[in-house]
Amino acid sequence: MSDVSSGLVKLAYRGVAGFFVFLFMFIFGVVGFALGMAGGIVTALCWIPLAFPEILNEVNIVVIGGQGTSDPAIASLALLIAGLVLLAVGFFFLAMTYMIGKGAIIVDKELAGIVDNAFSGSGKDRLARLERLASLRDRGFLTDKEFEHEKELILGSQDDVWTPEPTKKEQY
């Protein structure tokens, strides 16, 4: 019963939390990608005012103070700075996407451990976990060393571990 309850609780929080993590990662990723692409395009186009200064008669490139400029060097520099700023902000959003995903994995592992600990505790659960572990070893999913390590963790995680009393031969 507790394995089923534990599984349902983990499924519930993973479903809700996973949806929000996906939503945030999707939004941050799309915004970061779009800003990075825009920054790359603007940076790549910064040479145009230098090569074709007559374009400044047709296009008004606004620089500091909200004034347009007719100097091709200033216009190119303004485009370069704007492009680099867009690139930096785009990469910031992409880095945030990565950090959200990495943080979600850490939180998920911690919450899974908390849920498992909350629903475990009886000897019956421990026996069921040991049987599942032995089944995994028998089917070849675990090595003997991994089996022994996990068995130690299961048996060592309980306070009510039964230890036999020594026999008379062992007492002497």
N, C-alpha and C. Protein backbone atom coordinates (compact mmCIF):
# COMPACT_ATOMS: atom_id res chain seq x y z
N MET A 1 0.82 -1.19 0.00
CA MET A 1 0.00 0.00 0.00
C MET A 1 0.87 1.26 0.00
N SER A 2 1.92 1.28 0.81
CA SER A 2 2.71 2.50 0.89
C SER A 2 3.51 2.74 -0.37
N ASP A 3 3.91 1.67 -1.09
CA ASP A 3 4.61 1.88 -2.36
C ASP A 3 3.69 2.53 -3.37
N VAL A 4 2.43 2.11 -3.38
CA VAL A 4 1.45 2.71 -4.29
C VAL A 4 1.21 4.16 -3.90
N SER A 5 1.04 4.43 -2.61
CA SER A 5 0.82 5.81 -2.15
C SER A 5 2.01 6.68 -2.47
N SER A 6 3.19 6.15 -2.22
CA SER A 6 4.40 6.90 -2.52
C SER A 6 4.49 7.20 -4.01
N GLY A 7 4.18 6.22 -4.84
CA GLY A 7 4.21 6.42 -6.28
C GLY A 7 3.19 7.45 -6.74
N LEU A 8 1.99 7.43 -6.16
CA LEU A 8 0.96 8.40 -6.55
C LEU A 8 1.34 9.81 -6.13
N VAL A 9 1.92 9.96 -4.95
CA VAL A 9 2.33 11.29 -4.51
C VAL A 9 3.44 11.82 -5.40
N LYS A 10 4.42 10.95 -5.71
CA LYS A 10 5.51 11.38 -6.59
C LYS A 10 4.99 11.73 -7.98
N LEU A 11 4.04 10.95 -8.48
CA LEU A 11 3.46 11.22 -9.80
C LEU A 11 2.72 12.55 -9.79
N ALA A 12 2.01 12.84 -8.71
CA ALA A 12 1.24 14.09 -8.63
C ALA A 12 2.16 15.30 -8.62
N TYR A 13 3.16 15.31 -7.74
CA TYR A 13 4.02 16.50 -7.70
C TYR A 13 4.89 16.59 -8.94
N ARG A 14 5.30 15.46 -9.50
CA ARG A 14 6.09 15.52 -10.73
C ARG A 14 5.26 16.04 -11.89
N GLY A 15 3.99 15.69 -11.94
CA GLY A 15 3.14 16.18 -13.01
C GLY A 15 2.93 17.67 -12.94
N VAL A 16 2.58 18.17 -11.77
CA VAL A 16 2.33 19.61 -11.62
C VAL A 16 3.63 20.39 -11.73
N ALA A 17 4.63 19.97 -10.99
CA ALA A 17 5.91 20.68 -11.03
C ALA A 17 6.54 20.58 -12.42
N GLY A 18 6.43 19.42 -13.03
CA GLY A 18 7.00 19.24 -14.36
C GLY A 18 6.37 20.16 -15.39
N PHE A 19 5.05 20.36 -15.27
CA PHE A 19 4.38 21.27 -16.19
C PHE A 19 4.92 22.68 -16.06
N PHE A 20 5.05 23.16 -14.82
CA PHE A 20 5.54 24.52 -14.62
C PHE A 20 7.01 24.66 -15.02
N VAL A 21 7.81 23.66 -14.73
CA VAL A 21 9.22 23.70 -15.15
C VAL A 21 9.30 23.73 -16.67
N PHE A 22 8.51 22.89 -17.33
CA PHE A 22 8.49 22.89 -18.79
C PHE A 22 8.06 24.25 -19.33
N LEU A 23 7.02 24.83 -18.72
CA LEU A 23 6.52 26.13 -19.18
C LEU A 23 7.60 27.21 -19.06
N PHE A 24 8.24 27.29 -17.90
CA PHE A 24 9.29 28.29 -17.70
C PHE A 24 10.48 28.04 -18.63
N MET A 25 10.88 26.79 -18.75
CA MET A 25 12.02 26.49 -19.62
C MET A 25 11.69 26.81 -21.08
N PHE A 26 10.46 26.53 -21.50
CA PHE A 26 10.06 26.83 -22.87
C PHE A 26 10.08 28.33 -23.12
N ILE A 27 9.49 29.09 -22.20
CA ILE A 27 9.43 30.55 -22.37
C ILE A 27 10.84 31.14 -22.37
N PHE A 28 11.64 30.78 -21.38
CA PHE A 28 13.00 31.32 -21.30
C PHE A 28 13.83 30.88 -22.50
N GLY A 29 13.67 29.65 -22.93
CA GLY A 29 14.43 29.17 -24.07
C GLY A 29 14.07 29.88 -25.37
N VAL A 30 12.76 30.06 -25.60
CA VAL A 30 12.33 30.73 -26.83
C VAL A 30 12.77 32.19 -26.82
N VAL A 31 12.60 32.86 -25.68
CA VAL A 31 13.01 34.27 -25.59
C VAL A 31 14.52 34.39 -25.77
N GLY A 32 15.27 33.51 -25.12
CA GLY A 32 16.73 33.55 -25.25
C GLY A 32 17.18 33.29 -26.67
N PHE A 33 16.56 32.30 -27.32
CA PHE A 33 16.92 32.01 -28.70
C PHE A 33 16.59 33.18 -29.61
N ALA A 34 15.41 33.77 -29.43
CA ALA A 34 14.99 34.89 -30.28
C ALA A 34 15.91 36.10 -30.08
N LEU A 35 16.21 36.42 -28.83
CA LEU A 35 17.11 37.55 -28.58
C LEU A 35 18.51 37.30 -29.11
N GLY A 36 18.99 36.07 -28.96
CA GLY A 36 20.31 35.73 -29.48
C GLY A 36 20.36 35.84 -30.99
N MET A 37 19.31 35.36 -31.66
CA MET A 37 19.26 35.47 -33.13
C MET A 37 19.18 36.93 -33.56
N ALA A 38 18.33 37.71 -32.88
CA ALA A 38 18.22 39.13 -33.24
C ALA A 38 19.55 39.84 -33.02
N GLY A 39 20.21 39.55 -31.91
CA GLY A 39 21.51 40.15 -31.63
C GLY A 39 22.54 39.77 -32.68
N GLY A 40 22.52 38.53 -33.11
CA GLY A 40 23.45 38.09 -34.14
C GLY A 40 23.19 38.79 -35.47
N ILE A 41 21.94 38.95 -35.80
CA ILE A 41 21.61 39.63 -37.06
C ILE A 41 22.01 41.09 -37.01
N VAL A 42 21.67 41.78 -35.91
CA VAL A 42 22.02 43.20 -35.78
C VAL A 42 23.54 43.38 -35.79
N THR A 43 24.24 42.50 -35.10
CA THR A 43 25.71 42.58 -35.08
C THR A 43 26.28 42.33 -36.47
N ALA A 44 25.70 41.37 -37.17
CA ALA A 44 26.18 41.07 -38.51
C ALA A 44 25.92 42.21 -39.50
N LEU A 45 24.91 43.02 -39.23
CA LEU A 45 24.56 44.11 -40.15
C LEU A 45 25.24 45.43 -39.80
N CYS A 46 26.07 45.46 -38.78
CA CYS A 46 26.67 46.73 -38.35
C CYS A 46 27.64 47.32 -39.38
N TRP A 47 28.09 46.58 -40.33
CA TRP A 47 29.02 47.07 -41.35
C TRP A 47 28.32 47.88 -42.45
N ILE A 48 27.00 47.73 -42.57
CA ILE A 48 26.28 48.36 -43.69
C ILE A 48 26.42 49.89 -43.71
N PRO A 49 26.27 50.61 -42.57
CA PRO A 49 26.44 52.07 -42.66
C PRO A 49 27.84 52.49 -43.10
N LEU A 50 28.85 51.67 -42.80
CA LEU A 50 30.21 52.01 -43.25
C LEU A 50 30.37 51.79 -44.75
N ALA A 51 29.80 50.72 -45.25
CA ALA A 51 29.94 50.39 -46.67
C ALA A 51 29.02 51.23 -47.55
N PHE A 52 27.84 51.54 -47.04
CA PHE A 52 26.86 52.30 -47.81
C PHE A 52 26.37 53.49 -46.98
N PRO A 53 27.18 54.55 -46.83
CA PRO A 53 26.79 55.68 -45.99
C PRO A 53 25.52 56.39 -46.48
N GLU A 54 25.20 56.25 -47.75
CA GLU A 54 24.00 56.92 -48.25
C GLU A 54 22.72 56.32 -47.68
N ILE A 55 22.80 55.13 -47.08
CA ILE A 55 21.62 54.52 -46.47
C ILE A 55 21.13 55.33 -45.27
N LEU A 56 22.04 56.10 -44.66
CA LEU A 56 21.64 56.91 -43.50
C LEU A 56 20.72 58.04 -43.90
N ASN A 57 20.64 58.36 -45.20
CA ASN A 57 19.68 59.34 -45.66
C ASN A 57 18.27 58.75 -45.66
N GLU A 58 18.18 57.43 -45.84
CA GLU A 58 16.88 56.74 -45.91
C GLU A 58 16.44 56.19 -44.55
N VAL A 59 17.41 55.68 -43.77
CA VAL A 59 17.12 55.02 -42.50
C VAL A 59 17.69 55.86 -41.38
N ASN A 60 16.89 56.06 -40.36
CA ASN A 60 17.33 56.86 -39.21
C ASN A 60 17.75 55.91 -38.10
N ILE A 61 19.02 55.82 -37.80
CA ILE A 61 19.53 54.98 -36.71
C ILE A 61 19.65 55.87 -35.48
N VAL A 62 18.83 55.59 -34.49
CA VAL A 62 18.77 56.41 -33.29
C VAL A 62 19.91 56.01 -32.36
N VAL A 63 20.63 57.00 -31.88
CA VAL A 63 21.72 56.75 -30.94
C VAL A 63 21.40 57.45 -29.64
N ILE A 64 22.39 57.64 -28.79
CA ILE A 64 22.19 58.21 -27.46
C ILE A 64 21.48 59.56 -27.55
N GLY A 65 20.52 59.77 -26.71
CA GLY A 65 19.78 61.02 -26.66
C GLY A 65 18.59 61.04 -27.60
N GLY A 66 18.32 59.93 -28.29
CA GLY A 66 17.16 59.86 -29.16
C GLY A 66 17.34 60.58 -30.48
N GLN A 67 18.51 61.05 -30.76
CA GLN A 67 18.78 61.74 -32.02
C GLN A 67 19.30 60.76 -33.05
N GLY A 68 18.88 60.98 -34.30
CA GLY A 68 19.42 60.19 -35.39
C GLY A 68 20.81 60.69 -35.74
N THR A 69 21.56 59.89 -36.43
CA THR A 69 22.92 60.28 -36.80
C THR A 69 23.12 60.12 -38.29
N SER A 70 23.97 60.94 -38.84
CA SER A 70 24.33 60.80 -40.25
C SER A 70 25.78 60.35 -40.38
N ASP A 71 26.45 60.15 -39.25
CA ASP A 71 27.84 59.67 -39.26
C ASP A 71 27.84 58.14 -39.35
N PRO A 72 28.41 57.56 -40.40
CA PRO A 72 28.40 56.11 -40.55
C PRO A 72 29.14 55.36 -39.44
N ALA A 73 30.21 55.93 -38.91
CA ALA A 73 30.97 55.27 -37.84
C ALA A 73 30.13 55.17 -36.57
N ILE A 74 29.43 56.24 -36.24
CA ILE A 74 28.59 56.22 -35.03
C ILE A 74 27.42 55.25 -35.23
N ALA A 75 26.83 55.26 -36.40
CA ALA A 75 25.71 54.35 -36.68
C ALA A 75 26.17 52.89 -36.60
N SER A 76 27.33 52.60 -37.16
CA SER A 76 27.86 51.22 -37.10
C SER A 76 28.16 50.81 -35.67
N LEU A 77 28.74 51.72 -34.90
CA LEU A 77 29.03 51.44 -33.50
C LEU A 77 27.74 51.22 -32.70
N ALA A 78 26.71 52.02 -32.98
CA ALA A 78 25.43 51.86 -32.29
C ALA A 78 24.81 50.51 -32.61
N LEU A 79 24.88 50.10 -33.87
CA LEU A 79 24.36 48.78 -34.25
C LEU A 79 25.16 47.66 -33.60
N LEU A 80 26.46 47.81 -33.55
CA LEU A 80 27.31 46.79 -32.93
C LEU A 80 26.99 46.64 -31.44
N ILE A 81 26.88 47.76 -30.74
CA ILE A 81 26.58 47.72 -29.30
C ILE A 81 25.19 47.12 -29.06
N ALA A 82 24.20 47.55 -29.86
CA ALA A 82 22.84 47.01 -29.70
C ALA A 82 22.83 45.50 -29.96
N GLY A 83 23.55 45.07 -30.98
CA GLY A 83 23.60 43.64 -31.28
C GLY A 83 24.26 42.84 -30.18
N LEU A 84 25.36 43.36 -29.63
CA LEU A 84 26.05 42.65 -28.55
C LEU A 84 25.21 42.59 -27.28
N VAL A 85 24.48 43.67 -27.01
CA VAL A 85 23.59 43.67 -25.84
C VAL A 85 22.49 42.63 -26.03
N LEU A 86 21.89 42.58 -27.21
CA LEU A 86 20.86 41.56 -27.47
C LEU A 86 21.43 40.15 -27.35
N LEU A 87 22.63 39.94 -27.87
CA LEU A 87 23.27 38.63 -27.72
C LEU A 87 23.48 38.26 -26.26
N ALA A 88 23.97 39.22 -25.48
CA ALA A 88 24.23 38.95 -24.05
C ALA A 88 22.94 38.62 -23.32
N VAL A 89 21.89 39.38 -23.57
CA VAL A 89 20.61 39.11 -22.89
C VAL A 89 20.05 37.76 -23.35
N GLY A 90 20.20 37.45 -24.63
CA GLY A 90 19.74 36.15 -25.13
C GLY A 90 20.47 35.00 -24.47
N PHE A 91 21.78 35.12 -24.35
CA PHE A 91 22.55 34.06 -23.69
C PHE A 91 22.22 33.98 -22.20
N PHE A 92 21.89 35.11 -21.59
CA PHE A 92 21.46 35.09 -20.19
C PHE A 92 20.18 34.26 -20.05
N PHE A 93 19.22 34.48 -20.94
CA PHE A 93 17.97 33.71 -20.89
C PHE A 93 18.24 32.23 -21.14
N LEU A 94 19.13 31.91 -22.05
CA LEU A 94 19.46 30.50 -22.30
C LEU A 94 20.16 29.88 -21.09
N ALA A 95 21.02 30.65 -20.42
CA ALA A 95 21.67 30.15 -19.21
C ALA A 95 20.63 29.93 -18.10
N MET A 96 19.65 30.82 -18.03
CA MET A 96 18.59 30.65 -17.03
C MET A 96 17.77 29.39 -17.32
N THR A 97 17.55 29.10 -18.60
CA THR A 97 16.84 27.88 -18.98
C THR A 97 17.59 26.66 -18.47
N TYR A 98 18.89 26.67 -18.67
CA TYR A 98 19.72 25.56 -18.20
C TYR A 98 19.66 25.44 -16.67
N MET A 99 19.76 26.56 -15.99
CA MET A 99 19.76 26.54 -14.52
C MET A 99 18.40 26.08 -13.98
N ILE A 100 17.32 26.47 -14.62
CA ILE A 100 15.99 26.02 -14.18
C ILE A 100 15.91 24.50 -14.31
N GLY A 101 16.36 23.97 -15.44
CA GLY A 101 16.32 22.52 -15.63
C GLY A 101 17.20 21.78 -14.64
N LYS A 102 18.38 22.29 -14.43
CA LYS A 102 19.30 21.64 -13.48
C LYS A 102 18.75 21.70 -12.05
N GLY A 103 18.20 22.85 -11.68
CA GLY A 103 17.61 22.98 -10.35
C GLY A 103 16.40 22.08 -10.17
N ALA A 104 15.61 21.91 -11.24
CA ALA A 104 14.43 21.06 -11.15
C ALA A 104 14.83 19.61 -10.91
N ILE A 105 15.92 19.17 -11.51
CA ILE A 105 16.39 17.80 -11.30
C ILE A 105 16.81 17.60 -9.85
N ILE A 106 17.51 18.56 -9.30
CA ILE A 106 17.97 18.46 -7.90
C ILE A 106 16.78 18.45 -6.96
N VAL A 107 15.83 19.35 -7.17
CA VAL A 107 14.65 19.42 -6.31
C VAL A 107 13.83 18.14 -6.43
N ASP A 108 13.72 17.60 -7.65
CA ASP A 108 12.95 16.37 -7.85
C ASP A 108 13.57 15.21 -7.08
N LYS A 109 14.89 15.11 -7.10
CA LYS A 109 15.55 14.03 -6.36
C LYS A 109 15.33 14.17 -4.85
N GLU A 110 15.43 15.42 -4.36
CA GLU A 110 15.23 15.64 -2.93
C GLU A 110 13.80 15.33 -2.52
N LEU A 111 12.83 15.78 -3.32
CA LEU A 111 11.43 15.51 -2.98
C LEU A 111 11.10 14.03 -3.08
N ALA A 112 11.69 13.34 -4.05
CA ALA A 112 11.45 11.91 -4.17
C ALA A 112 11.98 11.19 -2.93
N GLY A 113 13.13 11.59 -2.43
CA GLY A 113 13.67 11.00 -1.21
C GLY A 113 12.79 11.28 0.00
N ILE A 114 12.28 12.50 0.08
CA ILE A 114 11.40 12.87 1.19
C ILE A 114 10.12 12.04 1.15
N VAL A 115 9.53 11.90 -0.04
CA VAL A 115 8.30 11.11 -0.17
C VAL A 115 8.57 9.65 0.17
N ASP A 116 9.68 9.12 -0.32
CA ASP A 116 10.01 7.73 -0.01
C ASP A 116 10.18 7.52 1.49
N ASN A 117 10.86 8.45 2.15
CA ASN A 117 11.06 8.33 3.59
C ASN A 117 9.75 8.48 4.34
N ALA A 118 8.86 9.31 3.87
CA ALA A 118 7.58 9.51 4.56
C ALA A 118 6.70 8.28 4.48
N PHE A 119 6.80 7.53 3.38
CA PHE A 119 5.93 6.39 3.19
C PHE A 119 6.59 5.07 3.56
N SER A 120 7.87 5.08 3.88
CA SER A 120 8.52 3.84 4.28
C SER A 120 8.65 3.82 5.79
N GLY A 121 9.04 2.71 6.31
CA GLY A 121 9.23 2.65 7.75
C GLY A 121 8.86 1.32 8.34
N SER A 122 8.00 0.58 7.70
CA SER A 122 7.64 -0.70 8.30
C SER A 122 8.56 -1.79 7.77
N GLY A 123 8.65 -2.87 8.48
CA GLY A 123 9.47 -4.00 8.06
C GLY A 123 8.96 -4.62 6.78
N LYS A 124 7.63 -4.54 6.56
CA LYS A 124 7.03 -5.08 5.36
C LYS A 124 7.55 -4.34 4.12
N ASP A 125 7.66 -3.01 4.21
CA ASP A 125 8.20 -2.23 3.10
C ASP A 125 9.65 -2.59 2.85
N ARG A 126 10.38 -2.76 3.91
CA ARG A 126 11.79 -3.11 3.77
C ARG A 126 11.94 -4.47 3.11
N LEU A 127 11.10 -5.42 3.50
CA LEU A 127 11.14 -6.74 2.90
C LEU A 127 10.78 -6.67 1.41
N ALA A 128 9.78 -5.87 1.07
CA ALA A 128 9.37 -5.72 -0.33
C ALA A 128 10.49 -5.08 -1.15
N ARG A 129 11.17 -4.11 -0.56
CA ARG A 129 12.28 -3.46 -1.28
C ARG A 129 13.43 -4.44 -1.48
N LEU A 130 13.69 -5.28 -0.46
CA LEU A 130 14.76 -6.28 -0.61
C LEU A 130 14.40 -7.31 -1.67
N GLU A 131 13.11 -7.70 -1.72
CA GLU A 131 12.69 -8.67 -2.73
C GLU A 131 12.82 -8.08 -4.13
N ARG A 132 12.44 -6.82 -4.29
CA ARG A 132 12.59 -6.16 -5.60
C ARG A 132 14.07 -6.06 -5.99
N LEU A 133 14.90 -5.77 -5.00
CA LEU A 133 16.34 -5.67 -5.24
C LEU A 133 16.91 -7.01 -5.68
N ALA A 134 16.49 -8.09 -5.00
CA ALA A 134 16.96 -9.42 -5.37
C ALA A 134 16.48 -9.79 -6.77
N SER A 135 15.26 -9.40 -7.10
CA SER A 135 14.73 -9.67 -8.44
C SER A 135 15.54 -8.95 -9.51
N LEU A 136 15.91 -7.71 -9.23
CA LEU A 136 16.73 -6.96 -10.19
C LEU A 136 18.10 -7.61 -10.36
N ARG A 137 18.66 -8.11 -9.26
CA ARG A 137 19.96 -8.79 -9.36
C ARG A 137 19.83 -10.09 -10.14
N ASP A 138 18.75 -10.84 -9.87
CA ASP A 138 18.56 -12.12 -10.56
C ASP A 138 18.34 -11.93 -12.06
N ARG A 139 17.73 -10.83 -12.45
CA ARG A 139 17.49 -10.56 -13.87
C ARG A 139 18.69 -9.90 -14.55
N GLY A 140 19.74 -9.61 -13.79
CA GLY A 140 20.96 -9.08 -14.37
C GLY A 140 21.03 -7.56 -14.45
N PHE A 141 20.09 -6.87 -13.82
CA PHE A 141 20.11 -5.41 -13.86
C PHE A 141 21.09 -4.82 -12.83
N LEU A 142 21.41 -5.59 -11.81
CA LEU A 142 22.35 -5.15 -10.77
C LEU A 142 23.47 -6.18 -10.64
N THR A 143 24.66 -5.68 -10.38
CA THR A 143 25.76 -6.58 -10.08
C THR A 143 25.66 -6.98 -8.61
N ASP A 144 26.43 -7.98 -8.22
CA ASP A 144 26.40 -8.40 -6.81
C ASP A 144 26.87 -7.28 -5.89
N LYS A 145 27.87 -6.53 -6.36
CA LYS A 145 28.38 -5.42 -5.55
C LYS A 145 27.31 -4.34 -5.36
N GLU A 146 26.60 -4.01 -6.45
CA GLU A 146 25.53 -3.02 -6.35
C GLU A 146 24.40 -3.52 -5.46
N PHE A 147 24.09 -4.82 -5.58
CA PHE A 147 23.05 -5.41 -4.75
C PHE A 147 23.41 -5.30 -3.27
N GLU A 148 24.64 -5.64 -2.93
CA GLU A 148 25.08 -5.58 -1.53
C GLU A 148 25.04 -4.15 -1.00
N HIS A 149 25.47 -3.22 -1.84
CA HIS A 149 25.45 -1.81 -1.41
C HIS A 149 24.03 -1.34 -1.14
N GLU A 150 23.12 -1.62 -2.06
CA GLU A 150 21.72 -1.20 -1.89
C GLU A 150 21.08 -1.92 -0.70
N LYS A 151 21.43 -3.18 -0.51
CA LYS A 151 20.89 -3.94 0.63
C LYS A 151 21.33 -3.31 1.94
N GLU A 152 22.60 -2.91 2.00
CA GLU A 152 23.11 -2.23 3.20
C GLU A 152 22.34 -0.94 3.46
N LEU A 153 22.05 -0.20 2.40
CA LEU A 153 21.30 1.05 2.56
C LEU A 153 19.90 0.79 3.09
N ILE A 154 19.25 -0.25 2.55
CA ILE A 154 17.88 -0.57 3.00
C ILE A 154 17.90 -1.04 4.45
N LEU A 155 18.81 -1.93 4.77
CA LEU A 155 18.86 -2.47 6.13
C LEU A 155 19.38 -1.44 7.12
N GLY A 156 20.25 -0.55 6.69
CA GLY A 156 20.80 0.45 7.58
C GLY A 156 19.90 1.66 7.77
N SER A 157 18.86 1.78 6.94
CA SER A 157 18.00 2.95 7.02
C SER A 157 16.92 2.82 8.09
N GLN A 158 16.80 1.68 8.71
CA GLN A 158 15.74 1.46 9.69
C GLN A 158 16.32 1.44 11.10
N ASP A 159 15.57 1.99 12.02
CA ASP A 159 15.99 1.98 13.42
C ASP A 159 15.59 0.68 14.12
N ASP A 160 14.59 0.02 13.58
CA ASP A 160 14.06 -1.18 14.24
C ASP A 160 14.64 -2.46 13.64
N VAL A 161 15.92 -2.42 13.27
CA VAL A 161 16.56 -3.60 12.69
C VAL A 161 16.70 -4.66 13.78
N TRP A 162 16.21 -5.86 13.48
CA TRP A 162 16.26 -6.94 14.45
C TRP A 162 17.63 -7.59 14.41
N THR A 163 18.23 -7.73 15.58
CA THR A 163 19.51 -8.44 15.68
C THR A 163 19.30 -9.61 16.63
N PRO A 164 19.73 -10.79 16.23
CA PRO A 164 19.52 -11.95 17.10
C PRO A 164 20.39 -11.86 18.35
N GLU A 165 19.87 -12.42 19.42
CA GLU A 165 20.66 -12.46 20.65
C GLU A 165 21.72 -13.54 20.51
N PRO A 166 22.89 -13.29 21.07
CA PRO A 166 23.96 -14.30 20.93
C PRO A 166 23.60 -15.59 21.67
N THR A 167 24.00 -16.70 21.08
CA THR A 167 23.78 -17.99 21.73
C THR A 167 24.82 -18.19 22.83
N LYS A 168 24.67 -19.23 23.56
CA LYS A 168 25.59 -19.46 24.66
C LYS A 168 27.02 -19.68 24.16
N LYS A 169 27.17 -20.34 23.00
CA LYS A 169 28.51 -20.58 22.46
C LYS A 169 29.16 -19.25 22.08
N GLU A 170 28.38 -18.31 21.53
CA GLU A 170 28.94 -17.03 21.09
C GLU A 170 29.29 -16.14 22.28
N GLN A 171 28.65 -16.36 23.43
CA GLN A 171 28.92 -15.50 24.58
C GLN A 171 30.29 -15.78 25.17
N TYR A 172 30.82 -16.97 25.00
CA TYR A 172 32.10 -17.31 25.64
C TYR A 172 33.25 -17.06 24.80
